[in-house]
Amino acid sequence: MDFNSTFKFLVESFNKENINFAIIGGFAMQAYGIARATSDIDLLVIVDDKDKVKQILLENGYELKHESDDVMNFFGKNVSRGRLDFLIAHRKYTREMLKRAEIKKVLGGRYQIKTLTIEDQIGLKVQSSTNDKTRYNLDLADIEILIRGNKDNLNLDLIRDYFKIFKREEELDKILENAK
C-alpha cells in the first residue's frame, strides 16, 4: 500500500466534501510517537457523511467489501490503494470520540489531521480486543505502550469507563501497576 498517496487522496477528497473524520488504529499510533506496522488505514467518520465517503471511494477505484451500521471496509482495485476501514460514529461514545479528536502530525509531519485522543484510541482497542480474540495480544500491547508513555497526562476515569463497559477493570489495574 502506498500510504502517502492514499492518505493524500483521502485528506484532499474528504476536506473538499467537508467530511468529519479522524484517524484511528495502528496508523494513528504514529501521531503519538509510536511506530507500529500496519497494512491499512482506519478512520472514524460521522454517520452523516457515510454515504459521501462511500461514493468517493467507489468512484475512485475502491471496492466495498463489507458494510454495516457500524463499519465499512474497502479494498483498492489497485494494490497501491490498499485497504481502508471505517468505523461509523453513530452511537454516543463514537460521536464523543470524534468531538474530542485532536489535530496531530502524521507521515513525518506532512499532514496535520484529526486523530483520536490516546484515551479514545485505548477505548477502541479495548472494544476490538474484546470482540475479536485474535487481536487481543496486539491491542493489549498497544494499550500498555500508550499508557506507559503517557500515564501522567491521561484521563484515567475515561479509560476506566472503557474497561468497565467490557468488564475488564482488573486488566486495567494490572496495566497501571506495571506502568509505575
N, C-alpha and C. Protein backbone atom coordinates (compact mmCIF):
# COMPACT_ATOMS: atom_id res chain seq x y z
N MET A 1 0.85 -1.18 0.00
CA MET A 1 0.00 0.00 0.00
C MET A 1 0.89 1.24 0.00
N ASP A 2 0.55 2.18 -0.83
CA ASP A 2 1.25 3.46 -0.86
C ASP A 2 0.53 4.41 0.09
N PHE A 3 0.99 4.43 1.36
CA PHE A 3 0.33 5.22 2.39
C PHE A 3 0.30 6.71 2.05
N ASN A 4 1.39 7.22 1.51
CA ASN A 4 1.46 8.65 1.21
C ASN A 4 0.40 9.08 0.21
N SER A 5 0.34 8.41 -0.93
CA SER A 5 -0.63 8.85 -1.95
C SER A 5 -2.06 8.53 -1.54
N THR A 6 -2.26 7.41 -0.87
CA THR A 6 -3.61 7.06 -0.42
C THR A 6 -4.10 8.06 0.62
N PHE A 7 -3.23 8.40 1.56
CA PHE A 7 -3.63 9.34 2.59
C PHE A 7 -3.88 10.73 2.00
N LYS A 8 -3.03 11.13 1.08
CA LYS A 8 -3.21 12.43 0.41
C LYS A 8 -4.57 12.46 -0.30
N PHE A 9 -4.90 11.39 -1.01
CA PHE A 9 -6.19 11.30 -1.68
C PHE A 9 -7.34 11.43 -0.68
N LEU A 10 -7.25 10.70 0.44
CA LEU A 10 -8.32 10.75 1.44
C LEU A 10 -8.48 12.15 2.02
N VAL A 11 -7.38 12.73 2.45
CA VAL A 11 -7.44 14.05 3.07
C VAL A 11 -8.01 15.08 2.10
N GLU A 12 -7.50 15.10 0.89
CA GLU A 12 -7.97 16.09 -0.09
C GLU A 12 -9.44 15.88 -0.43
N SER A 13 -9.83 14.64 -0.66
CA SER A 13 -11.22 14.33 -1.03
C SER A 13 -12.18 14.64 0.12
N PHE A 14 -11.82 14.23 1.31
CA PHE A 14 -12.70 14.42 2.46
C PHE A 14 -12.79 15.89 2.86
N ASN A 15 -11.68 16.60 2.79
CA ASN A 15 -11.73 18.03 3.11
C ASN A 15 -12.58 18.79 2.09
N LYS A 16 -12.46 18.42 0.83
CA LYS A 16 -13.25 19.07 -0.23
C LYS A 16 -14.75 18.90 0.03
N GLU A 17 -15.13 17.76 0.57
CA GLU A 17 -16.55 17.47 0.82
C GLU A 17 -16.96 17.74 2.27
N ASN A 18 -16.06 18.34 3.04
CA ASN A 18 -16.33 18.67 4.45
C ASN A 18 -16.76 17.45 5.26
N ILE A 19 -16.08 16.35 5.05
CA ILE A 19 -16.38 15.11 5.77
C ILE A 19 -15.69 15.16 7.13
N ASN A 20 -16.46 14.86 8.16
CA ASN A 20 -15.98 14.87 9.54
C ASN A 20 -15.38 13.50 9.85
N PHE A 21 -14.03 13.45 9.97
CA PHE A 21 -13.35 12.18 10.20
C PHE A 21 -12.12 12.39 11.07
N ALA A 22 -11.61 11.28 11.60
CA ALA A 22 -10.36 11.26 12.35
C ALA A 22 -9.69 9.93 12.09
N ILE A 23 -8.35 9.92 12.17
CA ILE A 23 -7.65 8.65 12.01
C ILE A 23 -7.64 7.91 13.35
N ILE A 24 -7.64 6.60 13.23
CA ILE A 24 -7.66 5.72 14.40
C ILE A 24 -6.74 4.54 14.12
N GLY A 25 -6.58 3.66 15.08
CA GLY A 25 -5.88 2.41 14.87
C GLY A 25 -4.37 2.54 14.77
N GLY A 26 -3.76 1.54 14.13
CA GLY A 26 -2.31 1.47 14.03
C GLY A 26 -1.70 2.67 13.33
N PHE A 27 -2.34 3.16 12.29
CA PHE A 27 -1.83 4.32 11.56
C PHE A 27 -1.80 5.54 12.46
N ALA A 28 -2.78 5.68 13.32
CA ALA A 28 -2.85 6.84 14.22
C ALA A 28 -1.83 6.76 15.35
N MET A 29 -1.31 5.58 15.63
CA MET A 29 -0.34 5.44 16.72
C MET A 29 0.88 6.33 16.49
N GLN A 30 1.25 6.53 15.21
CA GLN A 30 2.43 7.34 14.92
C GLN A 30 2.26 8.79 15.38
N ALA A 31 1.02 9.26 15.45
CA ALA A 31 0.76 10.63 15.91
C ALA A 31 1.17 10.80 17.37
N TYR A 32 1.31 9.69 18.07
CA TYR A 32 1.71 9.71 19.47
C TYR A 32 3.13 9.16 19.66
N GLY A 33 3.88 9.14 18.55
CA GLY A 33 5.28 8.74 18.62
C GLY A 33 5.52 7.26 18.72
N ILE A 34 4.54 6.46 18.34
CA ILE A 34 4.67 5.01 18.45
C ILE A 34 4.63 4.42 17.05
N ALA A 35 5.75 3.81 16.65
CA ALA A 35 5.83 3.18 15.34
C ALA A 35 5.28 1.77 15.45
N ARG A 36 4.30 1.48 14.61
CA ARG A 36 3.73 0.13 14.58
C ARG A 36 3.38 -0.20 13.15
N ALA A 37 3.79 -1.37 12.72
CA ALA A 37 3.48 -1.81 11.35
C ALA A 37 1.97 -1.95 11.20
N THR A 38 1.47 -1.49 10.08
CA THR A 38 0.06 -1.65 9.77
C THR A 38 -0.08 -1.79 8.26
N SER A 39 -1.13 -2.43 7.85
CA SER A 39 -1.33 -2.67 6.42
C SER A 39 -2.56 -1.97 5.88
N ASP A 40 -3.19 -1.14 6.71
CA ASP A 40 -4.39 -0.44 6.27
C ASP A 40 -4.47 0.92 6.95
N ILE A 41 -5.46 1.69 6.57
CA ILE A 41 -5.74 2.95 7.22
C ILE A 41 -7.14 2.84 7.81
N ASP A 42 -7.24 3.14 9.10
CA ASP A 42 -8.51 3.08 9.82
C ASP A 42 -8.94 4.50 10.13
N LEU A 43 -10.22 4.77 9.90
CA LEU A 43 -10.76 6.10 10.16
C LEU A 43 -12.10 6.00 10.86
N LEU A 44 -12.37 7.01 11.66
CA LEU A 44 -13.68 7.17 12.28
C LEU A 44 -14.37 8.28 11.51
N VAL A 45 -15.58 8.03 11.03
CA VAL A 45 -16.31 9.03 10.25
C VAL A 45 -17.72 9.16 10.80
N ILE A 46 -18.20 10.38 10.85
CA ILE A 46 -19.55 10.63 11.37
C ILE A 46 -20.58 9.98 10.44
N VAL A 47 -21.62 9.43 11.02
CA VAL A 47 -22.63 8.70 10.25
C VAL A 47 -23.24 9.58 9.15
N ASP A 48 -23.36 10.88 9.40
CA ASP A 48 -23.96 11.78 8.41
C ASP A 48 -23.16 11.82 7.11
N ASP A 49 -21.89 11.46 7.15
CA ASP A 49 -21.02 11.51 5.97
C ASP A 49 -20.77 10.14 5.36
N LYS A 50 -21.39 9.12 5.89
CA LYS A 50 -21.15 7.75 5.43
C LYS A 50 -21.40 7.60 3.93
N ASP A 51 -22.50 8.12 3.43
CA ASP A 51 -22.82 7.96 2.01
C ASP A 51 -21.85 8.72 1.12
N LYS A 52 -21.38 9.89 1.57
CA LYS A 52 -20.39 10.65 0.79
C LYS A 52 -19.07 9.88 0.72
N VAL A 53 -18.66 9.30 1.83
CA VAL A 53 -17.43 8.52 1.86
C VAL A 53 -17.53 7.36 0.88
N LYS A 54 -18.63 6.66 0.96
CA LYS A 54 -18.86 5.50 0.09
C LYS A 54 -18.80 5.91 -1.38
N GLN A 55 -19.46 6.99 -1.73
CA GLN A 55 -19.47 7.47 -3.11
C GLN A 55 -18.06 7.84 -3.58
N ILE A 56 -17.33 8.58 -2.77
CA ILE A 56 -15.97 9.00 -3.14
C ILE A 56 -15.09 7.78 -3.41
N LEU A 57 -15.16 6.80 -2.54
CA LEU A 57 -14.29 5.64 -2.71
C LEU A 57 -14.70 4.78 -3.89
N LEU A 58 -15.99 4.57 -4.07
CA LEU A 58 -16.45 3.76 -5.20
C LEU A 58 -16.12 4.42 -6.54
N GLU A 59 -16.13 5.74 -6.58
CA GLU A 59 -15.81 6.47 -7.81
C GLU A 59 -14.31 6.58 -8.06
N ASN A 60 -13.50 6.15 -7.08
CA ASN A 60 -12.05 6.32 -7.20
C ASN A 60 -11.27 5.03 -7.01
N GLY A 61 -11.81 3.94 -7.53
CA GLY A 61 -11.05 2.70 -7.60
C GLY A 61 -11.08 1.81 -6.38
N TYR A 62 -12.09 1.94 -5.56
CA TYR A 62 -12.22 1.06 -4.39
C TYR A 62 -13.46 0.18 -4.54
N GLU A 63 -13.36 -1.01 -3.97
CA GLU A 63 -14.49 -1.92 -3.90
C GLU A 63 -14.94 -2.02 -2.45
N LEU A 64 -16.25 -1.97 -2.24
CA LEU A 64 -16.82 -2.14 -0.91
C LEU A 64 -16.89 -3.63 -0.62
N LYS A 65 -16.17 -4.07 0.42
CA LYS A 65 -16.14 -5.49 0.78
C LYS A 65 -17.14 -5.83 1.86
N HIS A 66 -17.42 -4.86 2.74
CA HIS A 66 -18.37 -5.11 3.83
C HIS A 66 -18.94 -3.78 4.28
N GLU A 67 -20.24 -3.80 4.60
CA GLU A 67 -20.89 -2.61 5.13
C GLU A 67 -21.94 -3.02 6.14
N SER A 68 -21.95 -2.31 7.28
CA SER A 68 -22.98 -2.48 8.28
C SER A 68 -23.26 -1.10 8.88
N ASP A 69 -24.09 -1.05 9.89
CA ASP A 69 -24.34 0.23 10.55
C ASP A 69 -23.08 0.74 11.25
N ASP A 70 -22.17 -0.17 11.59
CA ASP A 70 -21.00 0.19 12.39
C ASP A 70 -19.71 0.37 11.60
N VAL A 71 -19.57 -0.33 10.47
CA VAL A 71 -18.30 -0.30 9.74
C VAL A 71 -18.51 -0.36 8.23
N MET A 72 -17.48 0.10 7.51
CA MET A 72 -17.37 -0.11 6.06
C MET A 72 -15.91 -0.48 5.79
N ASN A 73 -15.71 -1.50 4.96
CA ASN A 73 -14.37 -1.94 4.58
C ASN A 73 -14.23 -1.88 3.07
N PHE A 74 -13.17 -1.22 2.62
CA PHE A 74 -12.90 -1.07 1.20
C PHE A 74 -11.51 -1.60 0.86
N PHE A 75 -11.40 -2.15 -0.37
CA PHE A 75 -10.11 -2.57 -0.91
C PHE A 75 -9.91 -1.85 -2.23
N GLY A 76 -8.69 -1.33 -2.43
CA GLY A 76 -8.38 -0.70 -3.70
C GLY A 76 -8.29 -1.73 -4.80
N LYS A 77 -8.87 -1.43 -5.95
CA LYS A 77 -8.74 -2.33 -7.10
C LYS A 77 -7.28 -2.42 -7.52
N ASN A 78 -6.54 -1.35 -7.29
CA ASN A 78 -5.10 -1.30 -7.48
C ASN A 78 -4.47 -1.53 -6.11
N VAL A 79 -3.54 -2.46 -6.03
CA VAL A 79 -2.94 -2.83 -4.74
C VAL A 79 -2.33 -1.62 -4.02
N SER A 80 -1.82 -0.65 -4.76
CA SER A 80 -1.20 0.51 -4.12
C SER A 80 -2.20 1.34 -3.32
N ARG A 81 -3.49 1.20 -3.63
CA ARG A 81 -4.53 1.93 -2.88
C ARG A 81 -4.84 1.28 -1.54
N GLY A 82 -4.57 -0.01 -1.40
CA GLY A 82 -4.67 -0.69 -0.13
C GLY A 82 -6.07 -0.83 0.43
N ARG A 83 -6.10 -1.11 1.72
CA ARG A 83 -7.35 -1.35 2.44
C ARG A 83 -7.67 -0.15 3.32
N LEU A 84 -8.95 0.23 3.32
CA LEU A 84 -9.44 1.32 4.15
C LEU A 84 -10.60 0.79 4.98
N ASP A 85 -10.51 0.98 6.29
CA ASP A 85 -11.56 0.54 7.20
C ASP A 85 -12.14 1.76 7.90
N PHE A 86 -13.46 1.84 7.91
CA PHE A 86 -14.16 2.97 8.52
C PHE A 86 -15.05 2.48 9.65
N LEU A 87 -14.88 3.10 10.80
CA LEU A 87 -15.80 2.92 11.92
C LEU A 87 -16.78 4.08 11.82
N ILE A 88 -18.06 3.77 11.86
CA ILE A 88 -19.09 4.78 11.69
C ILE A 88 -19.52 5.31 13.06
N ALA A 89 -19.35 6.61 13.25
CA ALA A 89 -19.72 7.24 14.52
C ALA A 89 -21.21 7.56 14.51
N HIS A 90 -21.97 6.66 15.10
CA HIS A 90 -23.42 6.88 15.18
C HIS A 90 -23.95 6.68 16.60
N ARG A 91 -23.12 6.13 17.46
CA ARG A 91 -23.52 5.96 18.85
C ARG A 91 -22.87 7.06 19.71
N LYS A 92 -23.40 7.19 20.90
CA LYS A 92 -22.93 8.23 21.82
C LYS A 92 -21.41 8.23 21.99
N TYR A 93 -20.82 7.07 22.27
CA TYR A 93 -19.38 7.01 22.54
C TYR A 93 -18.55 7.43 21.34
N THR A 94 -18.86 6.90 20.17
CA THR A 94 -18.04 7.23 19.00
C THR A 94 -18.25 8.67 18.55
N ARG A 95 -19.45 9.19 18.72
CA ARG A 95 -19.68 10.61 18.39
C ARG A 95 -18.84 11.50 19.31
N GLU A 96 -18.79 11.15 20.59
CA GLU A 96 -17.98 11.92 21.54
C GLU A 96 -16.49 11.80 21.22
N MET A 97 -16.06 10.62 20.80
CA MET A 97 -14.67 10.44 20.41
C MET A 97 -14.30 11.39 19.27
N LEU A 98 -15.17 11.48 18.30
CA LEU A 98 -14.90 12.35 17.16
C LEU A 98 -14.85 13.81 17.58
N LYS A 99 -15.69 14.18 18.51
CA LYS A 99 -15.68 15.57 19.02
C LYS A 99 -14.39 15.88 19.76
N ARG A 100 -13.84 14.89 20.47
CA ARG A 100 -12.62 15.11 21.26
C ARG A 100 -11.34 15.00 20.44
N ALA A 101 -11.44 14.51 19.22
CA ALA A 101 -10.24 14.29 18.39
C ALA A 101 -9.40 15.57 18.32
N GLU A 102 -8.08 15.37 18.29
CA GLU A 102 -7.12 16.47 18.30
C GLU A 102 -6.32 16.48 17.01
N ILE A 103 -5.89 17.66 16.60
CA ILE A 103 -5.04 17.78 15.42
C ILE A 103 -3.63 17.30 15.80
N LYS A 104 -3.13 16.33 15.03
CA LYS A 104 -1.80 15.77 15.27
C LYS A 104 -1.07 15.64 13.92
N LYS A 105 0.25 15.59 14.00
CA LYS A 105 1.07 15.41 12.80
C LYS A 105 1.24 13.93 12.52
N VAL A 106 1.13 13.56 11.23
CA VAL A 106 1.37 12.19 10.79
C VAL A 106 2.20 12.20 9.52
N LEU A 107 2.70 11.05 9.17
CA LEU A 107 3.54 10.86 7.98
C LEU A 107 4.69 11.86 7.96
N GLY A 108 5.45 11.83 9.04
CA GLY A 108 6.63 12.69 9.13
C GLY A 108 6.31 14.16 9.19
N GLY A 109 5.13 14.50 9.65
CA GLY A 109 4.74 15.89 9.77
C GLY A 109 4.14 16.49 8.51
N ARG A 110 3.99 15.68 7.45
CA ARG A 110 3.42 16.19 6.19
C ARG A 110 1.96 16.57 6.33
N TYR A 111 1.27 15.93 7.27
CA TYR A 111 -0.16 16.20 7.45
C TYR A 111 -0.44 16.51 8.91
N GLN A 112 -1.33 17.44 9.11
CA GLN A 112 -1.88 17.69 10.43
C GLN A 112 -3.35 17.31 10.32
N ILE A 113 -3.73 16.30 11.07
CA ILE A 113 -5.04 15.68 10.86
C ILE A 113 -5.69 15.33 12.20
N LYS A 114 -7.01 15.35 12.22
CA LYS A 114 -7.72 14.94 13.43
C LYS A 114 -7.40 13.49 13.75
N THR A 115 -7.02 13.29 15.00
CA THR A 115 -6.63 11.97 15.49
C THR A 115 -7.32 11.76 16.83
N LEU A 116 -7.82 10.57 17.05
CA LEU A 116 -8.46 10.31 18.34
C LEU A 116 -7.47 10.52 19.47
N THR A 117 -7.97 10.95 20.61
CA THR A 117 -7.12 11.09 21.80
C THR A 117 -6.60 9.72 22.19
N ILE A 118 -5.56 9.72 22.98
CA ILE A 118 -5.00 8.46 23.47
C ILE A 118 -6.06 7.66 24.22
N GLU A 119 -6.82 8.33 25.05
CA GLU A 119 -7.86 7.63 25.83
C GLU A 119 -8.87 6.94 24.90
N ASP A 120 -9.25 7.64 23.83
CA ASP A 120 -10.23 7.06 22.91
C ASP A 120 -9.63 5.97 22.04
N GLN A 121 -8.34 6.11 21.70
CA GLN A 121 -7.64 5.02 20.99
C GLN A 121 -7.68 3.76 21.87
N ILE A 122 -7.39 3.97 23.15
CA ILE A 122 -7.42 2.84 24.09
C ILE A 122 -8.82 2.24 24.16
N GLY A 123 -9.83 3.10 24.22
CA GLY A 123 -11.21 2.61 24.27
C GLY A 123 -11.55 1.72 23.09
N LEU A 124 -11.14 2.13 21.89
CA LEU A 124 -11.41 1.30 20.70
C LEU A 124 -10.61 0.00 20.74
N LYS A 125 -9.41 0.06 21.29
CA LYS A 125 -8.60 -1.16 21.38
C LYS A 125 -9.16 -2.12 22.43
N VAL A 126 -9.74 -1.60 23.49
CA VAL A 126 -10.41 -2.47 24.47
C VAL A 126 -11.59 -3.16 23.78
N GLN A 127 -12.38 -2.40 23.04
CA GLN A 127 -13.52 -2.98 22.33
C GLN A 127 -13.06 -4.02 21.31
N SER A 128 -12.07 -3.65 20.51
CA SER A 128 -11.58 -4.55 19.46
C SER A 128 -11.06 -5.86 20.03
N SER A 129 -10.27 -5.76 21.09
CA SER A 129 -9.69 -6.97 21.68
C SER A 129 -10.71 -7.82 22.42
N THR A 130 -11.82 -7.21 22.79
CA THR A 130 -12.91 -7.97 23.40
C THR A 130 -13.72 -8.70 22.32
N ASN A 131 -13.98 -8.00 21.23
CA ASN A 131 -14.82 -8.56 20.17
C ASN A 131 -14.10 -9.54 19.26
N ASP A 132 -12.78 -9.42 19.14
CA ASP A 132 -12.00 -10.27 18.24
C ASP A 132 -10.78 -10.77 19.01
N LYS A 133 -10.88 -11.97 19.53
CA LYS A 133 -9.81 -12.51 20.38
C LYS A 133 -8.48 -12.65 19.64
N THR A 134 -8.48 -12.73 18.31
CA THR A 134 -7.23 -12.80 17.57
C THR A 134 -6.46 -11.49 17.66
N ARG A 135 -7.13 -10.40 18.03
CA ARG A 135 -6.48 -9.09 18.16
C ARG A 135 -6.03 -8.80 19.60
N TYR A 136 -6.37 -9.66 20.51
CA TYR A 136 -6.17 -9.40 21.93
C TYR A 136 -4.72 -9.00 22.26
N ASN A 137 -3.75 -9.82 21.88
CA ASN A 137 -2.36 -9.56 22.27
C ASN A 137 -1.82 -8.27 21.66
N LEU A 138 -2.09 -8.03 20.40
CA LEU A 138 -1.61 -6.81 19.74
C LEU A 138 -2.26 -5.58 20.36
N ASP A 139 -3.58 -5.62 20.55
CA ASP A 139 -4.28 -4.47 21.13
C ASP A 139 -3.84 -4.23 22.57
N LEU A 140 -3.66 -5.27 23.34
CA LEU A 140 -3.22 -5.11 24.72
C LEU A 140 -1.82 -4.50 24.77
N ALA A 141 -0.94 -4.94 23.88
CA ALA A 141 0.41 -4.36 23.82
C ALA A 141 0.33 -2.87 23.47
N ASP A 142 -0.53 -2.51 22.52
CA ASP A 142 -0.71 -1.10 22.17
C ASP A 142 -1.23 -0.30 23.36
N ILE A 143 -2.19 -0.85 24.07
CA ILE A 143 -2.76 -0.18 25.25
C ILE A 143 -1.67 0.06 26.29
N GLU A 144 -0.87 -0.96 26.54
CA GLU A 144 0.20 -0.82 27.53
C GLU A 144 1.21 0.24 27.12
N ILE A 145 1.58 0.28 25.85
CA ILE A 145 2.54 1.28 25.36
C ILE A 145 1.95 2.68 25.49
N LEU A 146 0.69 2.83 25.11
CA LEU A 146 0.04 4.14 25.19
C LEU A 146 -0.04 4.63 26.64
N ILE A 147 -0.39 3.75 27.55
CA ILE A 147 -0.50 4.14 28.96
C ILE A 147 0.88 4.41 29.54
N ARG A 148 1.82 3.52 29.30
CA ARG A 148 3.16 3.67 29.88
C ARG A 148 3.81 4.99 29.42
N GLY A 149 3.65 5.33 28.16
CA GLY A 149 4.28 6.52 27.63
C GLY A 149 3.59 7.82 27.96
N ASN A 150 2.37 7.74 28.50
CA ASN A 150 1.57 8.96 28.72
C ASN A 150 0.86 8.97 30.07
N LYS A 151 1.26 8.11 30.98
CA LYS A 151 0.49 7.88 32.21
C LYS A 151 0.20 9.13 33.04
N ASP A 152 1.08 10.12 32.98
CA ASP A 152 0.87 11.31 33.80
C ASP A 152 -0.10 12.31 33.17
N ASN A 153 -0.47 12.10 31.92
CA ASN A 153 -1.32 13.06 31.21
C ASN A 153 -2.64 12.47 30.74
N LEU A 154 -3.02 11.34 31.25
CA LEU A 154 -4.22 10.65 30.78
C LEU A 154 -5.43 10.90 31.67
N ASN A 155 -6.59 10.86 31.06
CA ASN A 155 -7.85 10.88 31.79
C ASN A 155 -8.16 9.42 32.15
N LEU A 156 -7.66 9.01 33.31
CA LEU A 156 -7.81 7.61 33.70
C LEU A 156 -9.26 7.24 34.00
N ASP A 157 -10.08 8.22 34.36
CA ASP A 157 -11.50 7.94 34.57
C ASP A 157 -12.17 7.49 33.27
N LEU A 158 -11.84 8.16 32.18
CA LEU A 158 -12.41 7.79 30.89
C LEU A 158 -11.90 6.41 30.47
N ILE A 159 -10.62 6.17 30.64
CA ILE A 159 -10.06 4.86 30.30
C ILE A 159 -10.72 3.77 31.15
N ARG A 160 -10.89 4.04 32.43
CA ARG A 160 -11.55 3.06 33.32
C ARG A 160 -12.97 2.79 32.85
N ASP A 161 -13.68 3.84 32.39
CA ASP A 161 -15.04 3.64 31.86
C ASP A 161 -15.03 2.66 30.69
N TYR A 162 -14.06 2.81 29.80
CA TYR A 162 -13.98 1.89 28.66
C TYR A 162 -13.74 0.46 29.11
N PHE A 163 -12.83 0.26 30.05
CA PHE A 163 -12.58 -1.09 30.54
C PHE A 163 -13.80 -1.63 31.28
N LYS A 164 -14.51 -0.76 31.98
CA LYS A 164 -15.69 -1.18 32.74
C LYS A 164 -16.81 -1.67 31.81
N ILE A 165 -16.98 -1.00 30.68
CA ILE A 165 -18.02 -1.41 29.72
C ILE A 165 -17.86 -2.89 29.38
N PHE A 166 -16.61 -3.33 29.25
CA PHE A 166 -16.35 -4.71 28.85
C PHE A 166 -15.93 -5.60 30.02
N LYS A 167 -16.19 -5.12 31.23
CA LYS A 167 -15.92 -5.89 32.45
C LYS A 167 -14.46 -6.36 32.51
N ARG A 168 -13.53 -5.41 32.24
CA ARG A 168 -12.11 -5.73 32.22
C ARG A 168 -11.30 -4.80 33.13
N GLU A 169 -11.94 -4.30 34.19
CA GLU A 169 -11.27 -3.35 35.08
C GLU A 169 -10.01 -3.93 35.73
N GLU A 170 -10.03 -5.23 36.04
CA GLU A 170 -8.86 -5.84 36.67
C GLU A 170 -7.65 -5.79 35.74
N GLU A 171 -7.88 -5.94 34.45
CA GLU A 171 -6.78 -5.83 33.49
C GLU A 171 -6.17 -4.44 33.51
N LEU A 172 -7.02 -3.42 33.57
CA LEU A 172 -6.51 -2.06 33.63
C LEU A 172 -5.69 -1.86 34.90
N ASP A 173 -6.16 -2.37 36.02
CA ASP A 173 -5.41 -2.24 37.28
C ASP A 173 -4.01 -2.84 37.13
N LYS A 174 -3.89 -3.99 36.48
CA LYS A 174 -2.59 -4.64 36.27
C LYS A 174 -1.69 -3.79 35.36
N ILE A 175 -2.31 -3.25 34.31
CA ILE A 175 -1.54 -2.40 33.38
C ILE A 175 -1.02 -1.17 34.11
N LEU A 176 -1.87 -0.55 34.90
CA LEU A 176 -1.47 0.65 35.65
C LEU A 176 -0.40 0.33 36.67
N GLU A 177 -0.51 -0.81 37.32
CA GLU A 177 0.51 -1.22 38.30
C GLU A 177 1.86 -1.42 37.61
N ASN A 178 1.85 -2.05 36.46
CA ASN A 178 3.09 -2.30 35.72
C ASN A 178 3.67 -1.01 35.12
N ALA A 179 2.85 0.00 34.94
CA ALA A 179 3.31 1.26 34.34
C ALA A 179 3.99 2.17 35.34
N LYS A 180 3.98 1.82 36.62
CA LYS A 180 4.59 2.68 37.66
C LYS A 180 6.09 2.65 37.58
